[in-house]
Amino acid sequence: MQQLEPSSVVVEAAESQSGRVVVRPVTNRRELGVFIDVPWHVYADDPLWVPPLRLERRLHFSKFNPFFEHGEWQAWVAYRDNRPVGRISAQIDQLHRGRYGSDTGHFGLLEAIEDAEVFKWLVNAAEKWLVARHARQISGPFNLSINQECGILVEGFDTPPVVMMPHSRSWYGRMLEEQGFRPQKDLLAYWVDADFEAPRLMSALAERFSRQIRLRALNRGKFSEEIEVLRDIFNDAWSGNWGFVPFTKAEFAELGNSLRLLVPDEAIAIAEVDGIPAAFMVGLPNLNEIFSELDGKLFPFGWARLIKHLRSRKVHTARIPLMGVRRQFQNTPLGAALAFMAIDALRKTGRDWGIRAVELSWILEDNKPMRRMLDSIGCREYKRYRIYGKTL
């Protein structure tokens, strides 16, 4: 499907106390550049915000993003007195509709100054576009799907975001609720020191199942096959979770290509039970430590700085962005052993890199077994993200 299309929502406008607010659809490359740059205006006075790479954002919104094989979107920018002050997108995901009903739709990529009129007209534009496509249930934010960045930060504004996690201004949740949205699901991020001490129970479980479980690193010589193994485990492991939409082969292959460039083989732990892959976990250096110095620019020297930092291991934090344990082992002692042994393997690898602390994200608030395990190894909940929903 085409990634950008002319919107039936051409212009929405209102007079606010601070000046005229106009919302315009994004229909060409120049306007997309304005859309991408909105966060630089919104976070100008927030030292914790980490600018994304503009080139990566261009690619994300291009025809090369495999999301557009099953989804369509429209973007808008809000202007006050001809200055960009906010943005929003609306999406229809056919994979989501296939699982949850033909009346679902999403919004995302929401960024805006603290102005109720700006939020009102942005939300109004997204809702009209979705209603025209038969949506009656709207939820978000998803950037662009649940398998990418999602949620609004509602707790944990005192620390910067890690790689591939969103940041928000403190007023976003309040402004959405003023437009009739209600909390739908909370997603949690946990923080743990890399030198945590394994609890006795987990060590005992690992020893108990040590003959059944074999841990290994990803085999780069069979990269495509290995990525398919990870996708199969992930889609099985997460299939019963709230909001789940399966990764397509193309989407996971794109993700795999990024991991191939940025992650050494030993940072991807695969756990086998009796020789069959049953769980996996991926560790990713927190590239936001580097991106914070680049101001969104890879050229002319950003690539060199990125490679230099990675090779010299000057990144001291990391994130666990992907993990999964096959459903047949979930909520069992063997499943707990699989998860813990994968975490412990990456902990040892991280310490060798000089990693001092790790974020594990995101975890559904109602995923009690995983939260109990994270609590047991000394992880602490330090950020909370929220998905909002509304009936149109």
Protein backbone atom coordinates (compact mmCIF):
# COMPACT_ATOMS: atom_id res chain seq x y z
CA MET A 1 0.00 0.00 0.00
CA GLN A 2 1.13 3.55 -0.65
CA GLN A 3 2.75 5.05 2.43
CA LEU A 4 1.38 8.60 1.96
CA GLU A 5 -1.88 9.55 0.29
CA PRO A 6 -3.87 12.77 -0.04
CA SER A 7 -6.21 13.00 2.92
CA SER A 8 -9.88 13.82 2.81
CA VAL A 9 -9.19 15.86 5.94
CA VAL A 10 -7.68 18.84 4.17
CA VAL A 11 -7.63 21.62 6.78
CA GLU A 12 -8.91 21.94 10.31
CA ALA A 13 -8.66 25.32 11.99
CA ALA A 14 -9.62 27.14 15.14
CA GLU A 15 -8.85 30.33 16.98
CA SER A 16 -7.03 29.78 20.28
CA GLN A 17 -5.94 32.36 22.81
CA SER A 18 -2.40 32.03 21.48
CA GLY A 19 -3.26 32.41 17.80
CA ARG A 20 -4.78 30.58 14.88
CA VAL A 21 -4.31 26.75 14.81
CA VAL A 22 -4.36 25.02 11.43
CA VAL A 23 -3.91 21.28 10.83
CA ARG A 24 -2.69 20.25 7.39
CA PRO A 25 -2.22 16.73 5.95
CA VAL A 26 1.23 15.58 4.91
CA THR A 27 1.15 14.85 1.18
CA ASN A 28 4.70 15.27 -0.11
CA ARG A 29 8.37 14.92 0.79
CA ARG A 30 8.80 18.49 1.97
CA GLU A 31 5.82 18.26 4.33
CA LEU A 32 7.10 14.92 5.60
CA GLY A 33 10.33 16.71 6.55
CA VAL A 34 8.30 19.22 8.57
CA PHE A 35 6.44 16.31 10.23
CA ILE A 36 9.73 14.62 11.16
CA ASP A 37 11.12 17.86 12.61
CA VAL A 38 8.17 18.66 14.91
CA PRO A 39 9.79 17.00 17.97
CA TRP A 40 12.73 19.42 17.74
CA HIS A 41 10.24 22.23 18.45
CA VAL A 42 8.27 20.38 21.14
CA TYR A 43 11.35 19.20 23.11
CA ALA A 44 13.49 22.31 22.63
CA ASP A 45 13.64 22.86 26.40
CA ASP A 46 13.79 19.16 27.45
CA PRO A 47 17.42 18.06 27.98
CA LEU A 48 16.41 14.41 28.38
CA TRP A 49 14.90 14.01 24.92
CA VAL A 50 17.11 12.13 22.44
CA PRO A 51 16.74 13.25 18.79
CA PRO A 52 16.04 10.42 16.34
CA LEU A 53 18.11 10.05 13.20
CA ARG A 54 16.32 11.95 10.44
CA LEU A 55 17.54 9.49 7.80
CA GLU A 56 16.13 6.55 9.77
CA ARG A 57 12.80 8.37 10.15
CA ARG A 58 12.64 9.00 6.39
CA LEU A 59 13.16 5.29 5.76
CA HIS A 60 10.58 4.38 8.40
CA PHE A 61 7.92 6.40 6.60
CA SER A 62 8.92 5.24 3.13
CA LYS A 63 7.68 2.43 0.88
CA PHE A 64 10.59 0.33 2.16
CA ASN A 65 8.91 -0.13 5.56
CA PRO A 66 7.26 -3.59 5.37
CA PHE A 67 4.44 -2.34 7.61
CA PHE A 68 2.94 -0.83 4.47
CA GLU A 69 2.47 -4.29 2.99
CA HIS A 70 -0.52 -4.64 5.33
CA GLY A 71 -1.11 -1.11 6.61
CA GLU A 72 -1.88 2.41 5.44
CA TRP A 73 -1.47 5.75 7.16
CA GLN A 74 -1.92 9.49 6.98
CA ALA A 75 0.03 12.17 8.85
CA TRP A 76 -0.83 15.75 9.82
CA VAL A 77 1.06 18.75 11.16
CA ALA A 78 -0.52 21.46 13.32
CA TYR A 79 0.59 25.04 12.79
CA ARG A 80 0.04 28.12 14.89
CA ASP A 81 0.72 31.35 13.03
CA ASN A 82 2.50 29.21 10.38
CA ARG A 83 4.87 27.61 12.93
CA PRO A 84 4.78 23.81 13.45
CA VAL A 85 3.45 23.08 16.95
CA GLY A 86 2.25 19.47 16.76
CA ARG A 87 1.74 16.34 14.71
CA ILE A 88 -0.24 13.09 14.63
CA SER A 89 -0.78 10.07 12.40
CA ALA A 90 -3.65 7.66 11.83
CA GLN A 91 -3.21 4.05 10.71
CA ILE A 92 -5.26 1.12 9.53
CA ASP A 93 -3.51 -2.24 10.01
CA GLN A 94 -5.18 -5.10 8.16
CA LEU A 95 -3.37 -7.69 10.28
CA HIS A 96 -4.83 -6.08 13.41
CA ARG A 97 -8.28 -5.97 11.85
CA GLY A 98 -7.99 -9.62 10.92
CA ARG A 99 -7.53 -10.52 14.61
CA TYR A 100 -9.61 -7.89 16.41
CA GLY A 101 -12.32 -6.75 14.03
CA SER A 102 -12.81 -4.64 10.93
CA ASP A 103 -13.69 -1.53 12.95
CA THR A 104 -10.26 -0.96 14.56
CA GLY A 105 -7.88 1.90 13.86
CA HIS A 106 -4.90 3.54 15.50
CA PHE A 107 -3.23 6.89 16.00
CA GLY A 108 0.43 7.51 16.62
CA LEU A 109 3.52 9.70 16.37
CA LEU A 110 1.80 12.25 18.59
CA GLU A 111 3.92 15.24 19.60
CA ALA A 112 2.56 18.67 20.51
CA ILE A 113 3.06 21.73 22.65
CA GLU A 114 0.91 22.22 25.74
CA ASP A 115 -2.16 23.63 24.03
CA ALA A 116 -5.64 22.09 24.25
CA GLU A 117 -6.68 23.48 20.85
CA VAL A 118 -3.68 21.91 19.15
CA PHE A 119 -4.52 18.51 20.62
CA LYS A 120 -8.20 18.92 19.81
CA TRP A 121 -7.67 19.57 16.12
CA LEU A 122 -4.93 16.97 15.69
CA VAL A 123 -7.11 14.27 17.25
CA ASN A 124 -10.10 15.47 15.23
CA ALA A 125 -8.19 15.08 11.95
CA ALA A 126 -7.05 11.55 12.82
CA GLU A 127 -10.52 10.50 13.95
CA LYS A 128 -12.23 11.79 10.77
CA TRP A 129 -9.74 9.90 8.60
CA LEU A 130 -10.30 6.70 10.56
CA VAL A 131 -14.11 7.03 10.54
CA ALA A 132 -13.98 7.39 6.75
CA ARG A 133 -12.31 3.95 6.76
CA HIS A 134 -15.02 2.39 8.96
CA ALA A 135 -13.09 2.54 12.24
CA ARG A 136 -15.14 2.73 15.42
CA GLN A 137 -12.44 1.81 17.94
CA ILE A 138 -9.28 3.94 18.07
CA SER A 139 -6.23 3.25 20.21
CA GLY A 140 -2.64 4.38 20.44
CA PRO A 141 -0.17 5.78 20.13
CA PHE A 142 1.52 3.20 17.88
CA ASN A 143 4.48 4.32 15.75
CA LEU A 144 3.26 2.69 13.47
CA SER A 145 2.29 -0.67 15.03
CA ILE A 146 2.49 -2.44 18.38
CA ASN A 147 5.70 -4.09 17.17
CA GLN A 148 7.38 -0.67 17.00
CA GLU A 149 7.52 2.20 19.49
CA CYS A 150 4.24 2.59 21.32
CA GLY A 151 2.65 4.25 24.32
CA ILE A 152 2.86 7.62 26.03
CA LEU A 153 5.27 8.04 28.91
CA VAL A 154 3.26 8.71 32.09
CA GLU A 155 5.89 7.94 34.77
CA GLY A 156 9.68 8.21 34.63
CA PHE A 157 10.23 11.67 33.15
CA ASP A 158 13.47 12.13 35.10
CA THR A 159 15.61 9.85 32.91
CA PRO A 160 16.25 9.79 29.16
CA PRO A 161 14.71 7.10 26.95
CA VAL A 162 16.79 4.16 25.80
CA VAL A 163 17.06 3.09 22.19
CA MET A 164 13.78 2.37 20.37
CA MET A 165 11.64 3.59 23.29
CA PRO A 166 9.52 6.76 23.22
CA HIS A 167 9.77 9.90 25.31
CA SER A 168 6.82 12.24 26.00
CA ARG A 169 5.95 15.58 27.50
CA SER A 170 4.14 15.37 30.82
CA TRP A 171 0.89 16.84 29.48
CA TYR A 172 0.19 14.26 26.74
CA GLY A 173 -1.94 11.92 28.83
CA ARG A 174 -4.00 14.74 30.31
CA MET A 175 -4.62 16.29 26.91
CA LEU A 176 -5.76 12.97 25.44
CA GLU A 177 -8.15 12.37 28.31
CA GLU A 178 -9.64 15.82 27.70
CA GLN A 179 -10.43 14.55 24.17
CA GLY A 180 -12.34 11.56 25.55
CA PHE A 181 -9.55 8.94 25.55
CA ARG A 182 -9.24 6.56 28.48
CA PRO A 183 -6.32 4.39 29.66
CA GLN A 184 -6.40 1.01 27.94
CA LYS A 185 -3.16 -0.76 28.87
CA ASP A 186 0.06 0.10 30.72
CA LEU A 187 3.50 -1.03 29.54
CA LEU A 188 6.40 -1.12 31.97
CA ALA A 189 10.15 -0.66 31.65
CA TYR A 190 12.48 -2.20 34.23
CA TRP A 191 16.05 -1.23 35.14
CA VAL A 192 18.71 -3.52 36.60
CA ASP A 193 22.43 -3.31 37.31
CA ALA A 194 24.42 -5.69 35.14
CA ASP A 195 26.19 -7.18 38.16
CA PHE A 196 23.00 -8.33 39.90
CA GLU A 197 23.30 -11.43 42.04
CA ALA A 198 21.22 -14.39 40.89
CA PRO A 199 18.62 -15.45 43.50
CA ARG A 200 18.96 -18.94 44.90
CA LEU A 201 15.64 -20.10 43.46
CA MET A 202 16.62 -19.14 39.93
CA SER A 203 20.05 -20.70 40.28
CA ALA A 204 18.43 -23.87 41.57
CA LEU A 205 16.00 -23.96 38.63
CA ALA A 206 18.83 -23.45 36.16
CA GLU A 207 20.78 -26.32 37.72
CA ARG A 208 17.70 -28.54 37.80
CA PHE A 209 17.09 -28.20 34.05
CA SER A 210 20.70 -27.81 32.94
CA ARG A 211 20.71 -31.18 31.16
CA GLN A 212 17.60 -30.33 29.12
CA ILE A 213 18.50 -26.73 28.27
CA ARG A 214 21.33 -25.74 25.99
CA LEU A 215 22.19 -22.08 25.52
CA ARG A 216 23.88 -20.93 22.36
CA ALA A 217 24.58 -17.74 20.45
CA LEU A 218 23.07 -16.89 17.10
CA ASN A 219 24.79 -18.63 14.18
CA ARG A 220 25.66 -15.83 11.75
CA GLY A 221 26.53 -18.36 9.07
CA LYS A 222 22.82 -19.27 8.92
CA PHE A 223 21.51 -15.79 9.62
CA SER A 224 18.27 -15.89 7.62
CA GLU A 225 17.30 -19.26 9.09
CA GLU A 226 18.14 -18.11 12.60
CA ILE A 227 16.03 -14.96 12.22
CA GLU A 228 13.10 -17.12 11.17
CA VAL A 229 13.61 -19.26 14.29
CA LEU A 230 13.45 -16.12 16.45
CA ARG A 231 10.33 -14.88 14.65
CA ASP A 232 8.61 -18.23 15.12
CA ILE A 233 9.37 -18.24 18.85
CA PHE A 234 8.31 -14.60 19.29
CA ASN A 235 5.00 -15.00 17.45
CA ASP A 236 4.20 -18.13 19.45
CA ALA A 237 5.31 -16.64 22.79
CA TRP A 238 3.36 -13.40 22.41
CA SER A 239 0.29 -14.76 20.60
CA GLY A 240 -1.87 -14.74 23.73
CA ASN A 241 -0.89 -11.25 24.85
CA TRP A 242 -3.03 -8.14 24.69
CA GLY A 243 -2.90 -6.37 21.33
CA PHE A 244 -0.66 -8.99 19.70
CA VAL A 245 -0.09 -8.66 15.98
CA PRO A 246 2.35 -11.17 14.46
CA PHE A 247 5.59 -10.04 12.91
CA THR A 248 5.56 -10.78 9.19
CA LYS A 249 8.58 -12.41 7.63
CA ALA A 250 9.52 -9.14 5.93
CA GLU A 251 9.17 -7.10 9.13
CA PHE A 252 11.33 -9.44 11.18
CA ALA A 253 13.89 -9.69 8.39
CA GLU A 254 14.19 -5.88 8.42
CA LEU A 255 14.64 -5.95 12.17
CA GLY A 256 17.21 -8.71 11.76
CA ASN A 257 19.22 -6.61 9.31
CA SER A 258 19.48 -3.87 11.93
CA LEU A 259 20.58 -6.36 14.58
CA ARG A 260 23.12 -7.80 12.17
CA LEU A 261 24.84 -4.41 11.92
CA LEU A 262 24.65 -3.42 15.57
CA VAL A 263 24.69 -6.57 17.69
CA PRO A 264 27.38 -9.28 17.96
CA ASP A 265 26.26 -12.89 17.78
CA GLU A 266 26.75 -13.52 21.50
CA ALA A 267 24.22 -10.78 22.32
CA ILE A 268 21.46 -13.01 20.94
CA ALA A 269 20.91 -15.96 23.27
CA ILE A 270 18.90 -18.93 22.01
CA ALA A 271 17.80 -21.58 24.49
CA GLU A 272 17.04 -25.08 23.26
CA VAL A 273 15.08 -27.75 25.09
CA ASP A 274 16.16 -31.23 24.07
CA GLY A 275 17.71 -29.72 20.95
CA ILE A 276 14.66 -27.68 19.86
CA PRO A 277 14.71 -23.84 20.07
CA ALA A 278 12.34 -22.84 22.85
CA ALA A 279 13.30 -19.33 23.94
CA PHE A 280 15.48 -16.41 22.96
CA MET A 281 16.62 -13.01 24.16
CA VAL A 282 18.31 -10.09 22.39
CA GLY A 283 20.61 -7.53 24.00
CA LEU A 284 21.02 -4.18 22.23
CA PRO A 285 23.58 -1.50 23.16
CA ASN A 286 21.78 1.69 24.12
CA LEU A 287 22.55 3.67 20.98
CA ASN A 288 20.77 6.68 22.46
CA GLU A 289 24.00 7.35 24.32
CA ILE A 290 25.49 8.11 20.91
CA PHE A 291 22.41 9.58 19.21
CA SER A 292 22.15 12.23 21.93
CA GLU A 293 25.37 13.73 20.53
CA LEU A 294 24.33 13.69 16.86
CA ASP A 295 21.20 15.90 16.84
CA GLY A 296 19.60 13.62 14.27
CA LYS A 297 22.45 13.85 11.76
CA LEU A 298 24.52 10.94 10.46
CA PHE A 299 26.45 13.09 8.02
CA PRO A 300 29.13 14.15 7.63
CA PHE A 301 30.65 12.58 10.77
CA GLY A 302 27.81 10.77 12.56
CA TRP A 303 28.54 7.36 11.04
CA ALA A 304 32.18 7.57 12.12
CA ARG A 305 31.22 8.51 15.67
CA LEU A 306 28.64 5.71 15.86
CA ILE A 307 31.11 3.04 14.69
CA LYS A 308 33.89 4.39 16.90
CA HIS A 309 31.74 4.26 20.04
CA LEU A 310 30.54 0.73 19.30
CA ARG A 311 34.00 -0.62 18.52
CA SER A 312 35.58 1.00 21.56
CA ARG A 313 32.69 -0.18 23.75
CA LYS A 314 31.99 3.28 25.08
CA VAL A 315 28.27 2.55 25.44
CA HIS A 316 27.61 1.64 29.08
CA THR A 317 23.90 0.81 29.10
CA ALA A 318 21.80 -1.60 27.06
CA ARG A 319 18.26 -2.74 26.45
CA ILE A 320 16.55 -6.11 26.12
CA PRO A 321 14.08 -5.25 23.32
CA LEU A 322 13.09 -8.77 22.27
CA MET A 323 12.52 -11.96 24.17
CA GLY A 324 10.17 -14.89 24.12
CA VAL A 325 9.48 -18.28 25.68
CA ARG A 326 7.26 -20.69 23.77
CA ARG A 327 3.74 -20.86 25.16
CA GLN A 328 4.00 -24.55 26.06
CA PHE A 329 6.67 -23.65 28.63
CA GLN A 330 5.13 -20.48 30.01
CA ASN A 331 4.03 -20.53 33.67
CA THR A 332 6.12 -23.66 34.30
CA PRO A 333 9.39 -24.15 36.21
CA LEU A 334 11.10 -25.05 32.93
CA GLY A 335 9.87 -21.81 31.36
CA ALA A 336 11.21 -19.80 34.29
CA ALA A 337 14.55 -21.54 33.92
CA LEU A 338 14.63 -20.74 30.20
CA ALA A 339 14.00 -17.04 30.81
CA PHE A 340 16.46 -16.76 33.65
CA MET A 341 19.26 -18.64 31.87
CA ALA A 342 18.87 -16.37 28.81
CA ILE A 343 18.98 -13.27 31.01
CA ASP A 344 22.02 -14.58 32.87
CA ALA A 345 23.84 -15.36 29.62
CA LEU A 346 23.34 -11.84 28.32
CA ARG A 347 24.29 -10.40 31.71
CA LYS A 348 27.70 -12.05 31.43
CA THR A 349 28.11 -10.87 27.84
CA GLY A 350 27.14 -7.34 28.82
CA ARG A 351 29.67 -7.21 31.62
CA ASP A 352 32.38 -8.20 29.13
CA TRP A 353 31.36 -5.21 26.98
CA GLY A 354 31.48 -2.84 29.95
CA ILE A 355 27.69 -2.59 30.25
CA ARG A 356 26.75 -1.34 33.70
CA ALA A 357 22.95 -1.36 33.58
CA VAL A 358 20.16 -2.70 31.38
CA GLU A 359 16.57 -1.77 30.60
CA LEU A 360 14.11 -4.62 30.02
CA SER A 361 11.16 -3.30 28.05
CA TRP A 362 8.42 -3.36 27.52
CA ILE A 363 6.48 -5.64 29.90
CA LEU A 364 2.68 -5.71 30.07
CA GLU A 365 1.49 -4.56 33.48
CA ASP A 366 -0.65 -7.69 33.84
CA ASN A 367 2.20 -10.08 32.95
CA LYS A 368 2.54 -11.10 36.59
CA PRO A 369 4.86 -14.13 36.12
CA MET A 370 7.46 -12.09 34.25
CA ARG A 371 7.19 -9.19 36.68
CA ARG A 372 7.72 -11.53 39.64
CA MET A 373 10.83 -12.96 38.04
CA LEU A 374 12.22 -9.50 37.30
CA ASP A 375 11.53 -8.43 40.87
CA SER A 376 13.37 -11.50 42.14
CA ILE A 377 16.61 -10.57 40.35
CA GLY A 378 16.57 -6.99 41.61
CA CYS A 379 14.96 -5.20 38.65
CA ARG A 380 12.98 -2.09 39.48
CA GLU A 381 10.09 -0.60 37.54
CA TYR A 382 11.26 2.88 36.52
CA LYS A 383 9.13 3.93 33.55
CA ARG A 384 5.49 3.46 32.67
CA TYR A 385 3.93 3.92 29.25
CA ARG A 386 0.21 4.02 28.52
CA ILE A 387 -1.96 3.05 25.57
CA TYR A 388 -5.18 5.04 25.30
CA GLY A 389 -8.43 4.07 23.61
CA LYS A 390 -11.74 5.56 22.58
CA THR A 391 -14.97 4.56 20.84
CA LEU A 392 -15.69 6.83 17.90
